[in-house]
Amino acid sequence: MTEQTGAGVWQEVPSPFCGIASDDLTIKVEGNNVSIIENGDAVTKKGFETPITDTSPRVKGKEVSLNEAVSQIVNLLRKSKQTVIGGMATDLNGARSAMALADKSRATIDNMDSAAGFRNTLVLQDTGWMLTTLTEVRNRVDLLVVVGSDIEAEYPRFFERMVWNDESMFDQEIESRQVVYLGKTPSGNASTSPKGKKAQILACDDADLPEVVSVLRALVKGKAIQAKKVGGIAVSDLAVLAEQLKKAKYSVVTWAAGDLDFDHAEATVQTVCEMVKELNDDTRSSGLPLGGKEGSITVNQVSAWQSGFPMRTNFNQGYPDYDPHLCDTTRMLENDEVDALIWISSFNIDRTPPKSNATTAVLGRSGMTFEQEPEVFIPVGTPGIDHVGRAFRTDGVVSVPLRKLRDSGLPSTFDVLTAVEKAL
């Protein structure tokens, strides 16, 4: 439970920025200035400590009242023939209000990171998968295989909190855990155990990862491989890893879809997931896709509840019409299929809307700068700092309560979008 101790100091603060929902931060608040005193990292420090620089909405670069800015968005939607509600970096209530507005305005809705997310979603839809949770990893994992990802760069405290934690519920010897990187080499030393045991690294280029993973799966199934090397990795080394996976009591294979930036990466994710299923014939193994930053897990959860579909859903016919190709925001904007873009980005000042010919309204974090000033800009509060909220962590099973730490006066995304919907 988040507690405030003394003037402006908050303990056990959950983070909406890190994806793994670190909930042990100590935060100091002085006016509108926020700083992390304990347990911060590069991701959470930037998230919490980004300063407020502007608080007034703008229309065509001119400061206006919030009501005037909302009215301008309403007029924009009324004239639009094809609206996209994009970005979608928000909390649970913000996502709910965006879904309601998409339904009422018959817009297309999409998340800024859906290109990476669909490397997972397409696998889930096609053949399914067997996944674990962060809690299970913390308490049970004995072999962690990281596929094609430098997870400590994006999730700096993952190893500290999930792998090298002080103790497990089942009296497992934490130091006995093994970590193997397959593909990318880690950028730091977070995967090294407290006593100095380093991760094993089987490095290869991204372009070779599909073949490497396919050979590993074949070895797990007991197939003979004629080649001596694949992707620069000795097949004998992959055979050793295959045996480690088969002998482990609870292996976890993890990846960050955003790092798998190569053609048809979903096929590699599928190979990993099928291998995990096959391992469960004789032992226990699970997958763990890492994501959830910028609200991507949260908004997909809300979309699934309310429409039955993930992001990239269109409401133009008066009902949800899911199409991951036709409703791809990037493709639609590049082909000039959009005349109005509502861009939501309440966590990160760097996640501004892509260049396009669409008339754009931005509900963004204070401090955003634009190469081209949008038609409307409304600075909105950041969930977990400026207003209460909820956000799902990467495993999608826990919604983390976010607290209000300061009174900045900034409206929430929910407040703004609800006002727009009511005015339509």
Protein backbone atom coordinates (compact mmCIF):
# COMPACT_ATOMS: atom_id res chain seq x y z
CA MET A 1 0.00 0.00 0.00
CA THR A 2 1.31 3.43 -0.92
CA GLU A 3 1.98 5.55 2.14
CA GLN A 4 2.92 9.19 2.58
CA THR A 5 5.48 9.71 5.33
CA GLY A 6 6.34 13.23 6.31
CA ALA A 7 6.03 16.27 4.08
CA GLY A 8 6.02 15.24 0.44
CA VAL A 9 7.64 11.79 0.78
CA TRP A 10 5.77 8.76 -0.54
CA GLN A 11 6.82 5.15 0.06
CA GLU A 12 5.95 1.94 -1.79
CA VAL A 13 4.94 3.85 -4.89
CA PRO A 14 4.04 1.72 -7.95
CA SER A 15 5.49 2.65 -11.33
CA PRO A 16 3.34 2.92 -14.47
CA PHE A 17 6.47 3.26 -16.61
CA CYS A 18 8.52 0.08 -16.26
CA GLY A 19 6.17 -2.67 -17.46
CA ILE A 20 7.01 -4.94 -14.54
CA ALA A 21 5.15 -2.70 -12.08
CA SER A 22 7.91 -1.99 -9.58
CA ASP A 23 5.99 -1.00 -6.47
CA ASP A 24 8.73 -0.19 -3.98
CA LEU A 25 9.75 3.31 -5.03
CA THR A 26 10.27 6.12 -2.54
CA ILE A 27 9.23 9.42 -4.09
CA LYS A 28 9.76 12.99 -2.94
CA VAL A 29 7.28 15.64 -4.11
CA GLU A 30 7.92 19.38 -3.75
CA GLY A 31 5.22 21.37 -5.48
CA ASN A 32 5.17 20.03 -9.03
CA ASN A 33 8.71 18.62 -8.79
CA VAL A 34 8.98 14.85 -8.37
CA SER A 35 12.17 12.91 -7.63
CA ILE A 36 12.91 9.27 -6.85
CA ILE A 37 14.81 8.80 -3.59
CA GLU A 38 15.03 4.99 -3.54
CA ASN A 39 14.84 2.11 -6.05
CA GLY A 40 14.78 4.19 -9.20
CA ASP A 41 16.25 3.20 -12.55
CA ALA A 42 16.73 4.89 -15.91
CA VAL A 43 13.16 4.16 -17.03
CA THR A 44 11.34 5.12 -13.84
CA LYS A 45 13.51 8.19 -13.17
CA LYS A 46 12.68 9.66 -16.56
CA GLY A 47 9.04 8.77 -16.10
CA PHE A 48 8.60 10.36 -12.69
CA GLU A 49 11.06 13.24 -12.96
CA THR A 50 10.03 14.76 -16.32
CA PRO A 51 9.16 18.36 -15.36
CA ILE A 52 5.92 20.17 -16.10
CA THR A 53 6.60 22.98 -18.58
CA ASP A 54 3.17 23.87 -19.95
CA THR A 55 -0.30 23.56 -18.47
CA SER A 56 -2.54 25.43 -20.91
CA PRO A 57 -4.25 23.84 -23.92
CA ARG A 58 -3.42 25.29 -27.34
CA VAL A 59 -5.33 25.58 -30.58
CA LYS A 60 -3.14 26.33 -33.60
CA GLY A 61 -0.38 27.30 -31.17
CA LYS A 62 -2.50 29.81 -29.24
CA GLU A 63 -3.33 29.22 -25.57
CA VAL A 64 -7.05 28.64 -24.97
CA SER A 65 -9.29 27.30 -22.22
CA LEU A 66 -9.86 23.58 -21.83
CA ASN A 67 -13.47 24.00 -22.97
CA GLU A 68 -12.34 25.73 -26.15
CA ALA A 69 -9.83 22.99 -26.88
CA VAL A 70 -12.47 20.30 -26.32
CA SER A 71 -14.87 22.14 -28.63
CA GLN A 72 -12.21 22.25 -31.33
CA ILE A 73 -11.74 18.47 -31.10
CA VAL A 74 -15.50 18.00 -31.28
CA ASN A 75 -15.67 20.11 -34.46
CA LEU A 76 -12.78 18.14 -35.89
CA LEU A 77 -14.57 14.84 -35.28
CA ARG A 78 -17.86 16.10 -36.72
CA LYS A 79 -16.17 17.04 -39.99
CA SER A 80 -14.01 13.92 -40.20
CA LYS A 81 -14.73 11.08 -42.62
CA GLN A 82 -12.04 8.82 -41.16
CA THR A 83 -10.73 9.40 -37.64
CA VAL A 84 -7.99 7.41 -35.96
CA ILE A 85 -7.57 7.43 -32.20
CA GLY A 86 -3.91 6.49 -31.92
CA GLY A 87 -1.03 6.48 -29.49
CA MET A 88 -3.25 5.14 -26.72
CA ALA A 89 -0.56 5.56 -24.06
CA THR A 90 -2.89 5.89 -21.11
CA ASP A 91 -4.29 4.07 -18.09
CA LEU A 92 -7.36 1.88 -17.74
CA ASN A 93 -9.92 4.68 -17.44
CA GLY A 94 -8.26 6.59 -20.26
CA ALA A 95 -8.55 3.50 -22.45
CA ARG A 96 -12.21 3.07 -21.54
CA SER A 97 -12.99 6.65 -22.51
CA ALA A 98 -11.07 6.26 -25.79
CA MET A 99 -13.06 3.13 -26.63
CA ALA A 100 -16.31 4.94 -25.88
CA LEU A 101 -15.29 7.86 -28.09
CA ALA A 102 -14.21 5.54 -30.92
CA ASP A 103 -17.59 3.83 -30.75
CA LYS A 104 -19.51 7.10 -30.81
CA SER A 105 -17.40 8.81 -33.49
CA ARG A 106 -16.99 5.60 -35.55
CA ALA A 107 -13.23 5.88 -35.45
CA THR A 108 -10.39 3.39 -35.80
CA ILE A 109 -8.43 2.75 -32.61
CA ASP A 110 -4.79 1.62 -32.43
CA ASN A 111 -1.86 1.58 -30.01
CA MET A 112 1.49 3.18 -30.89
CA ASP A 113 3.33 -0.10 -30.17
CA SER A 114 0.88 -2.47 -31.82
CA ALA A 115 3.38 -3.41 -34.55
CA ALA A 116 5.48 -5.08 -31.85
CA GLY A 117 2.47 -6.30 -29.91
CA PHE A 118 1.07 -8.16 -32.89
CA ARG A 119 4.19 -10.32 -33.03
CA ASN A 120 2.65 -11.86 -29.92
CA THR A 121 -1.06 -11.42 -30.62
CA LEU A 122 -0.94 -13.21 -33.97
CA VAL A 123 0.64 -16.24 -32.28
CA LEU A 124 -1.99 -16.27 -29.53
CA GLN A 125 -4.75 -16.11 -32.15
CA ASP A 126 -3.23 -18.80 -34.37
CA THR A 127 -1.88 -21.56 -32.13
CA GLY A 128 -2.07 -20.29 -28.55
CA TRP A 129 0.65 -20.38 -25.94
CA MET A 130 1.52 -21.38 -22.38
CA LEU A 131 2.57 -18.37 -20.30
CA THR A 132 3.59 -17.72 -16.73
CA THR A 133 3.36 -14.70 -14.43
CA LEU A 134 6.00 -12.52 -12.82
CA THR A 135 5.16 -14.03 -9.44
CA GLU A 136 5.70 -17.55 -10.73
CA VAL A 137 9.02 -16.52 -12.25
CA ARG A 138 10.14 -14.97 -8.97
CA ASN A 139 9.29 -18.09 -7.00
CA ARG A 140 9.92 -21.03 -9.34
CA VAL A 141 12.26 -20.37 -12.27
CA ASP A 142 15.46 -22.43 -12.37
CA LEU A 143 16.43 -21.75 -16.00
CA LEU A 144 15.69 -18.46 -17.78
CA VAL A 145 16.30 -18.28 -21.53
CA VAL A 146 16.18 -14.78 -23.04
CA VAL A 147 15.44 -14.90 -26.77
CA GLY A 148 16.54 -12.08 -29.08
CA SER A 149 16.17 -9.36 -26.47
CA ASP A 150 18.29 -7.12 -24.26
CA ILE A 151 15.65 -6.99 -21.57
CA GLU A 152 17.73 -5.16 -18.97
CA ALA A 153 17.90 -2.10 -21.24
CA GLU A 154 14.10 -1.80 -21.34
CA TYR A 155 13.29 -3.43 -18.00
CA PRO A 156 16.29 -2.50 -15.82
CA ARG A 157 15.06 -4.11 -12.59
CA PHE A 158 13.70 -7.34 -14.07
CA PHE A 159 16.61 -9.47 -12.89
CA GLU A 160 16.82 -7.78 -9.49
CA ARG A 161 13.13 -8.30 -8.75
CA MET A 162 12.27 -11.51 -10.62
CA VAL A 163 15.43 -13.62 -10.85
CA TRP A 164 17.94 -12.58 -8.18
CA ASN A 165 15.35 -11.85 -5.50
CA ASP A 166 16.41 -12.60 -1.93
CA GLU A 167 14.21 -15.67 -1.46
CA SER A 168 11.45 -17.74 -3.04
CA MET A 169 8.26 -19.18 -1.57
CA PHE A 170 9.55 -22.73 -2.01
CA ASP A 171 13.02 -22.42 -0.44
CA GLN A 172 14.76 -22.60 -3.80
CA GLU A 173 18.48 -21.81 -3.76
CA ILE A 174 18.39 -18.56 -5.74
CA GLU A 175 22.05 -18.75 -6.72
CA SER A 176 21.40 -22.06 -8.49
CA ARG A 177 19.32 -20.33 -11.15
CA GLN A 178 20.76 -20.24 -14.66
CA VAL A 179 20.37 -17.50 -17.27
CA VAL A 180 21.03 -18.01 -20.98
CA TYR A 181 20.90 -15.30 -23.65
CA LEU A 182 20.08 -16.54 -27.15
CA GLY A 183 20.58 -13.85 -29.79
CA LYS A 184 21.38 -10.40 -28.40
CA THR A 185 24.21 -9.85 -25.94
CA PRO A 186 23.08 -8.08 -22.75
CA SER A 187 24.10 -4.44 -22.46
CA GLY A 188 24.91 -4.59 -18.76
CA ASN A 189 25.49 -6.91 -15.83
CA ALA A 190 21.99 -7.21 -14.39
CA SER A 191 21.83 -10.88 -15.41
CA THR A 192 24.90 -11.67 -13.28
CA SER A 193 23.97 -13.35 -9.99
CA PRO A 194 24.70 -11.66 -6.63
CA LYS A 195 27.69 -14.01 -6.20
CA GLY A 196 29.06 -13.25 -9.65
CA LYS A 197 27.73 -16.09 -11.83
CA LYS A 198 27.41 -14.67 -15.32
CA ALA A 199 24.78 -15.51 -17.90
CA GLN A 200 25.68 -17.86 -20.73
CA ILE A 201 25.56 -16.03 -24.07
CA LEU A 202 24.85 -17.71 -27.40
CA ALA A 203 25.01 -14.66 -29.67
CA CYS A 204 23.72 -14.34 -33.21
CA ASP A 205 22.40 -11.66 -35.53
CA ASP A 206 18.67 -10.96 -35.61
CA ALA A 207 18.53 -12.25 -39.18
CA ASP A 208 19.77 -15.66 -37.99
CA LEU A 209 17.49 -15.92 -34.96
CA PRO A 210 14.59 -17.68 -36.77
CA GLU A 211 16.90 -20.48 -37.92
CA VAL A 212 18.65 -20.73 -34.53
CA VAL A 213 15.35 -21.03 -32.66
CA SER A 214 14.05 -23.60 -35.15
CA VAL A 215 17.17 -25.75 -34.64
CA LEU A 216 16.85 -25.45 -30.85
CA ARG A 217 13.25 -26.64 -31.05
CA ALA A 218 14.30 -29.57 -33.24
CA LEU A 219 16.98 -30.54 -30.72
CA VAL A 220 14.45 -30.37 -27.88
CA LYS A 221 12.32 -32.85 -29.89
CA GLY A 222 15.32 -35.15 -30.30
CA LYS A 223 15.87 -34.53 -34.01
CA ALA A 224 19.32 -35.05 -35.55
CA ILE A 225 20.96 -31.94 -37.02
CA GLN A 226 23.51 -32.36 -39.80
CA ALA A 227 24.99 -28.86 -39.62
CA LYS A 228 27.81 -28.04 -37.22
CA LYS A 229 26.90 -24.36 -36.85
CA VAL A 230 23.80 -22.25 -37.29
CA GLY A 231 23.88 -18.46 -37.18
CA GLY A 232 27.46 -18.67 -35.94
CA ILE A 233 26.45 -20.78 -32.91
CA ALA A 234 27.80 -24.31 -32.58
CA VAL A 235 24.97 -26.84 -32.83
CA SER A 236 26.65 -28.68 -29.95
CA ASP A 237 26.08 -25.60 -27.76
CA LEU A 238 22.41 -25.51 -28.77
CA ALA A 239 22.19 -29.21 -27.94
CA VAL A 240 23.48 -28.47 -24.44
CA LEU A 241 20.80 -25.77 -24.05
CA ALA A 242 18.14 -28.19 -25.28
CA GLU A 243 19.19 -30.66 -22.58
CA GLN A 244 19.15 -27.90 -19.96
CA LEU A 245 15.58 -27.06 -20.96
CA LYS A 246 14.50 -30.70 -20.77
CA LYS A 247 16.10 -31.23 -17.37
CA ALA A 248 14.93 -27.99 -15.78
CA LYS A 249 12.10 -28.21 -13.26
CA TYR A 250 10.64 -24.84 -14.24
CA SER A 251 12.21 -23.16 -17.25
CA VAL A 252 10.98 -19.82 -18.56
CA VAL A 253 11.62 -18.56 -22.08
CA THR A 254 11.22 -14.81 -22.30
CA TRP A 255 11.36 -12.20 -25.05
CA ALA A 256 10.49 -8.55 -25.66
CA ALA A 257 8.57 -8.32 -28.93
CA GLY A 258 9.79 -4.77 -29.50
CA ASP A 259 13.34 -6.13 -29.89
CA LEU A 260 12.35 -8.71 -32.51
CA ASP A 261 12.43 -6.18 -35.32
CA PHE A 262 12.78 -8.38 -38.38
CA ASP A 263 10.43 -9.70 -41.05
CA HIS A 264 7.88 -12.27 -39.89
CA ALA A 265 9.14 -12.17 -36.30
CA GLU A 266 5.80 -13.62 -35.21
CA ALA A 267 6.91 -16.93 -36.77
CA THR A 268 9.90 -17.01 -34.43
CA VAL A 269 7.68 -16.21 -31.45
CA GLN A 270 5.43 -19.06 -32.56
CA THR A 271 8.40 -21.46 -32.74
CA VAL A 272 9.37 -20.50 -29.19
CA CYS A 273 5.81 -21.02 -27.95
CA GLU A 274 5.47 -24.40 -29.65
CA MET A 275 8.78 -25.49 -28.12
CA VAL A 276 7.50 -24.49 -24.68
CA LYS A 277 4.37 -26.61 -25.21
CA GLU A 278 6.50 -29.60 -26.22
CA LEU A 279 8.73 -29.25 -23.15
CA ASN A 280 5.64 -29.64 -20.99
CA ASP A 281 5.27 -33.25 -22.12
CA ASP A 282 7.98 -34.16 -19.61
CA THR A 283 8.69 -31.13 -17.42
CA ARG A 284 7.38 -27.64 -16.70
CA SER A 285 8.15 -24.71 -18.96
CA SER A 286 6.44 -21.41 -19.70
CA GLY A 287 6.77 -18.39 -21.93
CA LEU A 288 6.96 -14.80 -20.71
CA PRO A 289 6.48 -12.02 -23.27
CA LEU A 290 7.69 -8.70 -21.85
CA GLY A 291 5.89 -5.46 -22.68
CA GLY A 292 3.39 -3.14 -21.06
CA LYS A 293 5.26 0.14 -21.27
CA GLU A 294 3.28 3.12 -22.59
CA GLY A 295 0.07 1.36 -21.50
CA SER A 296 0.14 -1.21 -24.31
CA ILE A 297 -1.03 -4.15 -22.17
CA THR A 298 -3.63 -2.03 -20.41
CA VAL A 299 -5.30 -0.72 -23.55
CA ASN A 300 -5.41 -4.15 -25.18
CA GLN A 301 -7.02 -5.60 -22.06
CA VAL A 302 -9.70 -2.90 -22.10
CA SER A 303 -10.24 -3.30 -25.84
CA ALA A 304 -10.70 -7.05 -25.43
CA TRP A 305 -13.24 -6.58 -22.61
CA GLN A 306 -15.30 -3.99 -24.41
CA SER A 307 -15.15 -5.08 -28.05
CA GLY A 308 -13.91 -8.67 -27.97
CA PHE A 309 -10.87 -7.65 -30.03
CA PRO A 310 -7.39 -6.17 -29.47
CA MET A 311 -6.22 -2.84 -30.89
CA ARG A 312 -6.55 -2.09 -34.63
CA THR A 313 -10.32 -2.19 -34.51
CA ASN A 314 -12.62 0.01 -36.57
CA PHE A 315 -16.09 1.21 -35.51
CA ASN A 316 -17.04 2.74 -38.86
CA GLN A 317 -19.95 0.35 -39.38
CA GLY A 318 -21.40 0.96 -35.94
CA TYR A 319 -19.85 -2.20 -34.51
CA PRO A 320 -16.26 -3.34 -33.83
CA ASP A 321 -14.54 -4.56 -37.00
CA TYR A 322 -11.09 -5.97 -36.24
CA ASP A 323 -8.46 -5.99 -39.00
CA PRO A 324 -4.76 -5.89 -38.02
CA HIS A 325 -3.71 -4.85 -41.55
CA LEU A 326 -6.36 -2.37 -42.68
CA CYS A 327 -6.50 -0.72 -39.22
CA ASP A 328 -2.73 -0.24 -38.92
CA THR A 329 -2.30 3.46 -38.04
CA THR A 330 1.10 3.73 -39.72
CA ARG A 331 -0.18 2.30 -42.98
CA MET A 332 -3.35 4.41 -42.90
CA LEU A 333 -1.44 7.65 -42.30
CA GLU A 334 1.18 6.91 -44.95
CA ASN A 335 -1.59 6.27 -47.51
CA ASP A 336 -3.51 9.44 -46.55
CA GLU A 337 -6.54 7.42 -45.47
CA VAL A 338 -6.97 9.52 -42.30
CA ASP A 339 -8.25 13.08 -42.11
CA ALA A 340 -8.32 13.39 -38.29
CA LEU A 341 -5.88 11.90 -35.78
CA ILE A 342 -6.46 11.99 -32.02
CA TRP A 343 -3.09 11.09 -30.47
CA ILE A 344 -2.92 10.05 -26.80
CA SER A 345 0.47 9.94 -25.05
CA SER A 346 0.30 10.64 -21.33
CA PHE A 347 3.52 8.92 -20.17
CA ASN A 348 6.42 9.96 -22.38
CA ILE A 349 7.11 13.40 -23.91
CA ASP A 350 9.13 11.76 -26.71
CA ARG A 351 6.22 9.70 -28.06
CA THR A 352 4.74 12.37 -30.32
CA PRO A 353 2.46 11.64 -33.30
CA PRO A 354 4.00 10.51 -36.59
CA LYS A 355 4.20 12.94 -39.49
CA SER A 356 1.07 12.91 -41.59
CA ASN A 357 -1.36 15.05 -43.53
CA ALA A 358 -4.13 14.37 -41.02
CA THR A 359 -5.39 17.20 -38.85
CA THR A 360 -4.08 16.23 -35.43
CA ALA A 361 -5.18 16.72 -31.84
CA VAL A 362 -2.75 15.60 -29.13
CA LEU A 363 -3.59 14.71 -25.56
CA GLY A 364 -0.02 14.53 -24.33
CA ARG A 365 2.24 14.85 -21.37
CA SER A 366 3.30 18.36 -20.45
CA GLY A 367 6.66 19.18 -22.00
CA MET A 368 6.06 17.74 -25.45
CA THR A 369 7.63 19.58 -28.35
CA PHE A 370 6.51 19.16 -31.94
CA GLU A 371 8.21 19.54 -35.28
CA GLN A 372 4.81 20.65 -36.55
CA GLU A 373 2.37 22.16 -34.06
CA PRO A 374 -0.83 20.09 -33.89
CA GLU A 375 -4.24 21.65 -34.46
CA VAL A 376 -5.01 21.04 -30.78
CA PHE A 377 -2.68 20.24 -27.89
CA ILE A 378 -4.04 19.50 -24.43
CA PRO A 379 -1.48 18.77 -21.70
CA VAL A 380 -2.93 15.93 -19.65
CA GLY A 381 -1.97 14.47 -16.32
CA THR A 382 0.25 11.42 -16.03
CA PRO A 383 -1.39 8.41 -14.35
CA GLY A 384 0.34 7.57 -11.10
CA ILE A 385 1.60 11.13 -10.63
CA ASP A 386 -1.15 13.64 -11.41
CA HIS A 387 -4.19 11.43 -10.84
CA VAL A 388 -5.16 8.01 -9.59
CA GLY A 389 -5.60 5.16 -12.04
CA ARG A 390 -4.86 1.55 -12.86
CA ALA A 391 -2.38 -0.05 -15.24
CA PHE A 392 -1.74 -3.68 -16.16
CA ARG A 393 1.77 -5.03 -15.81
CA THR A 394 3.44 -7.08 -18.53
CA ASP A 395 1.89 -10.45 -17.65
CA GLY A 396 -1.64 -9.05 -17.91
CA VAL A 397 -2.89 -10.70 -14.70
CA VAL A 398 -2.50 -7.84 -12.22
CA SER A 399 -3.82 -4.30 -12.52
CA VAL A 400 -1.68 -2.04 -10.38
CA PRO A 401 -3.39 0.81 -8.48
CA LEU A 402 -1.72 4.13 -9.25
CA ARG A 403 -1.76 7.03 -6.82
CA LYS A 404 -2.01 10.78 -7.16
CA LEU A 405 1.23 12.29 -5.84
CA ARG A 406 0.75 15.98 -6.64
CA ASP A 407 -1.96 18.48 -7.52
CA SER A 408 -0.84 19.82 -10.89
CA GLY A 409 -4.31 20.84 -12.06
CA LEU A 410 -3.88 18.89 -15.30
CA PRO A 411 -6.96 16.99 -16.50
CA SER A 412 -6.80 13.24 -17.03
CA THR A 413 -7.18 11.66 -20.46
CA PHE A 414 -10.46 10.23 -19.19
CA ASP A 415 -11.72 13.72 -18.25
CA VAL A 416 -10.91 15.18 -21.66
CA LEU A 417 -12.20 12.32 -23.81
CA THR A 418 -15.38 11.99 -21.75
CA ALA A 419 -16.03 15.71 -22.27
CA VAL A 420 -15.48 15.28 -26.02
CA GLU A 421 -17.83 12.28 -26.16
CA LYS A 422 -20.58 14.08 -24.26
CA ALA A 423 -20.32 17.11 -26.54
CA LEU A 424 -20.59 15.10 -29.76
